[in-house]
């Protein structure tokens, strides 16, 4: 026995004389472990999915904002530098909208 009074299992122990572990108790421990592990993994998966959905939504919002800003810059550049600003601005905006819809 060790200092805590627990038997030390080693080469000097006759395993045929050691009582078997109760199967019902072992199955209960195993079931409890599996249930707790599955609950943890389900909660973890749910939290990860929620965070990924939030990040995906934020990325979509940023992409939309970026498309709008690109269209505004293109429109401003064409409006300042072209002799027929309205038709070129319209063409630029339509091109940006079509491009952004293809990304979705």
C-alpha atoms as a PDB file:
ATOM      1  CA  UNK A   1       0.000   0.000   0.000  1.00  0.00           C
ATOM      2  CA  UNK A   2       1.083   3.554  -0.644  1.00  0.00           C
ATOM      3  CA  UNK A   3       1.164   6.445   1.849  1.00  0.00           C
ATOM      4  CA  UNK A   4      -2.586   7.119   1.365  1.00  0.00           C
ATOM      5  CA  UNK A   5      -3.528   3.548   2.183  1.00  0.00           C
ATOM      6  CA  UNK A   6      -4.410   2.659  -1.391  1.00  0.00           C
ATOM      7  CA  UNK A   7      -3.213  -0.628  -2.810  1.00  0.00           C
ATOM      8  CA  UNK A   8      -0.463  -0.368  -5.380  1.00  0.00           C
ATOM      9  CA  UNK A   9      -1.107  -2.513  -8.411  1.00  0.00           C
ATOM     10  CA  UNK A  10       2.114  -3.980  -9.643  1.00  0.00           C
ATOM     11  CA  UNK A  11       3.739  -7.207 -10.646  1.00  0.00           C
ATOM     12  CA  UNK A  12       3.304  -8.659  -7.136  1.00  0.00           C
ATOM     13  CA  UNK A  13      -0.527  -8.530  -7.249  1.00  0.00           C
ATOM     14  CA  UNK A  14      -2.469 -11.640  -8.196  1.00  0.00           C
ATOM     15  CA  UNK A  15      -5.145 -10.245 -10.515  1.00  0.00           C
ATOM     16  CA  UNK A  16      -7.262 -13.381 -10.205  1.00  0.00           C
ATOM     17  CA  UNK A  17      -7.925 -12.440  -6.572  1.00  0.00           C
ATOM     18  CA  UNK A  18      -8.757  -8.783  -7.256  1.00  0.00           C
ATOM     19  CA  UNK A  19     -12.516  -8.159  -7.432  1.00  0.00           C
ATOM     20  CA  UNK A  20     -13.892  -7.123 -10.823  1.00  0.00           C
ATOM     21  CA  UNK A  21     -15.170  -3.618 -11.456  1.00  0.00           C
ATOM     22  CA  UNK A  22     -18.953  -3.492 -11.330  1.00  0.00           C
ATOM     23  CA  UNK A  23     -20.213  -3.331 -14.905  1.00  0.00           C
ATOM     24  CA  UNK A  24     -23.276  -1.248 -14.081  1.00  0.00           C
ATOM     25  CA  UNK A  25     -21.144   1.351 -12.364  1.00  0.00           C
ATOM     26  CA  UNK A  26     -18.657   1.450 -15.242  1.00  0.00           C
ATOM     27  CA  UNK A  27     -21.470   1.825 -17.786  1.00  0.00           C
ATOM     28  CA  UNK A  28     -23.002   4.639 -15.716  1.00  0.00           C
ATOM     29  CA  UNK A  29     -19.668   6.513 -15.602  1.00  0.00           C
ATOM     30  CA  UNK A  30     -19.165   6.022 -19.307  1.00  0.00           C
ATOM     31  CA  UNK A  31     -22.709   7.215 -20.120  1.00  0.00           C
ATOM     32  CA  UNK A  32     -22.275  10.263 -17.900  1.00  0.00           C
ATOM     33  CA  UNK A  33     -18.994  11.117 -19.626  1.00  0.00           C
ATOM     34  CA  UNK A  34     -20.559  10.742 -23.079  1.00  0.00           C
ATOM     35  CA  UNK A  35     -23.591  12.870 -22.156  1.00  0.00           C
ATOM     36  CA  UNK A  36     -21.437  15.681 -20.736  1.00  0.00           C
ATOM     37  CA  UNK A  37     -19.069  15.572 -23.701  1.00  0.00           C
ATOM     38  CA  UNK A  38     -21.923  15.694 -26.219  1.00  0.00           C
ATOM     39  CA  UNK A  39     -23.568  18.612 -24.381  1.00  0.00           C
ATOM     40  CA  UNK A  40     -20.283  20.512 -24.366  1.00  0.00           C
ATOM     41  CA  UNK A  41     -19.671  19.870 -28.066  1.00  0.00           C
ATOM     42  CA  UNK A  42     -23.234  20.908 -28.966  1.00  0.00           C
ATOM     43  CA  UNK A  43     -22.906  24.178 -27.024  1.00  0.00           C
ATOM     44  CA  UNK A  44     -19.473  24.809 -28.532  1.00  0.00           C
ATOM     45  CA  UNK A  45     -20.798  24.158 -32.042  1.00  0.00           C
ATOM     46  CA  UNK A  46     -23.762  26.493 -31.495  1.00  0.00           C
ATOM     47  CA  UNK A  47     -21.548  29.310 -30.233  1.00  0.00           C
ATOM     48  CA  UNK A  48     -19.144  28.863 -33.161  1.00  0.00           C
ATOM     49  CA  UNK A  49     -21.995  28.906 -35.685  1.00  0.00           C
ATOM     50  CA  UNK A  50     -23.448  32.074 -34.134  1.00  0.00           C
ATOM     51  CA  UNK A  51     -20.078  33.822 -34.222  1.00  0.00           C
ATOM     52  CA  UNK A  52     -19.440  32.742 -37.814  1.00  0.00           C
ATOM     53  CA  UNK A  53     -22.886  33.978 -38.842  1.00  0.00           C
ATOM     54  CA  UNK A  54     -22.197  37.346 -37.202  1.00  0.00           C
ATOM     55  CA  UNK A  55     -18.820  37.630 -38.950  1.00  0.00           C
ATOM     56  CA  UNK A  56     -20.370  36.638 -42.290  1.00  0.00           C
ATOM     57  CA  UNK A  57     -23.073  39.280 -41.897  1.00  0.00           C
ATOM     58  CA  UNK A  58     -20.487  41.915 -41.053  1.00  0.00           C
ATOM     59  CA  UNK A  59     -18.395  40.949 -44.101  1.00  0.00           C
ATOM     60  CA  UNK A  60     -21.474  41.257 -46.331  1.00  0.00           C
ATOM     61  CA  UNK A  61     -22.203  44.706 -44.886  1.00  0.00           C
ATOM     62  CA  UNK A  62     -18.613  45.797 -45.497  1.00  0.00           C
ATOM     63  CA  UNK A  63     -18.697  44.466 -49.071  1.00  0.00           C
ATOM     64  CA  UNK A  64     -21.928  46.358 -49.742  1.00  0.00           C
ATOM     65  CA  UNK A  65     -20.488  49.555 -48.282  1.00  0.00           C
ATOM     66  CA  UNK A  66     -17.336  49.093 -50.334  1.00  0.00           C
ATOM     67  CA  UNK A  67     -19.357  48.651 -53.532  1.00  0.00           C
ATOM     68  CA  UNK A  68     -21.305  51.827 -52.825  1.00  0.00           C
ATOM     69  CA  UNK A  69     -18.119  53.753 -52.116  1.00  0.00           C
ATOM     70  CA  UNK A  70     -16.456  52.427 -55.284  1.00  0.00           C
ATOM     71  CA  UNK A  71     -19.482  53.502 -57.323  1.00  0.00           C
ATOM     72  CA  UNK A  72     -19.378  56.964 -55.750  1.00  0.00           C
ATOM     73  CA  UNK A  73     -15.665  57.352 -56.474  1.00  0.00           C
ATOM     74  CA  UNK A  74     -16.170  56.170 -60.041  1.00  0.00           C
ATOM     75  CA  UNK A  75     -19.114  58.523 -60.488  1.00  0.00           C
ATOM     76  CA  UNK A  76     -17.215  61.473 -59.051  1.00  0.00           C
ATOM     77  CA  UNK A  77     -14.206  60.760 -61.260  1.00  0.00           C
ATOM     78  CA  UNK A  78     -16.354  60.499 -64.391  1.00  0.00           C
ATOM     79  CA  UNK A  79     -18.451  63.520 -63.470  1.00  0.00           C
ATOM     80  CA  UNK A  80     -15.376  65.727 -63.076  1.00  0.00           C
ATOM     81  CA  UNK A  81     -13.436  64.515 -66.083  1.00  0.00           C
ATOM     82  CA  UNK A  82     -15.913  63.774 -68.877  1.00  0.00           C
ATOM     83  CA  UNK A  83     -17.754  66.003 -71.336  1.00  0.00           C
ATOM     84  CA  UNK A  84     -20.946  63.918 -70.962  1.00  0.00           C
ATOM     85  CA  UNK A  85     -20.933  63.154 -67.251  1.00  0.00           C
ATOM     86  CA  UNK A  86     -24.463  61.828 -66.757  1.00  0.00           C
ATOM     87  CA  UNK A  87     -24.287  58.916 -69.222  1.00  0.00           C
ATOM     88  CA  UNK A  88     -20.840  57.827 -68.009  1.00  0.00           C
ATOM     89  CA  UNK A  89     -21.881  58.071 -64.369  1.00  0.00           C
ATOM     90  CA  UNK A  90     -24.956  55.981 -65.103  1.00  0.00           C
ATOM     91  CA  UNK A  91     -22.811  53.397 -66.900  1.00  0.00           C
ATOM     92  CA  UNK A  92     -20.327  53.278 -64.009  1.00  0.00           C
ATOM     93  CA  UNK A  93     -23.048  52.823 -61.373  1.00  0.00           C
ATOM     94  CA  UNK A  94     -24.800  50.107 -63.370  1.00  0.00           C
ATOM     95  CA  UNK A  95     -21.490  48.265 -63.848  1.00  0.00           C
ATOM     96  CA  UNK A  96     -20.749  48.406 -60.111  1.00  0.00           C
ATOM     97  CA  UNK A  97     -24.230  47.154 -59.208  1.00  0.00           C
ATOM     98  CA  UNK A  98     -23.969  44.223 -61.619  1.00  0.00           C
ATOM     99  CA  UNK A  99     -20.513  43.357 -60.285  1.00  0.00           C
ATOM    100  CA  UNK A 100     -21.695  43.439 -56.681  1.00  0.00           C
ATOM    101  CA  UNK A 101     -24.713  41.257 -57.491  1.00  0.00           C
ATOM    102  CA  UNK A 102     -22.428  38.653 -59.057  1.00  0.00           C
ATOM    103  CA  UNK A 103     -20.453  38.520 -55.794  1.00  0.00           C
ATOM    104  CA  UNK A 104     -23.574  37.641 -53.822  1.00  0.00           C
END
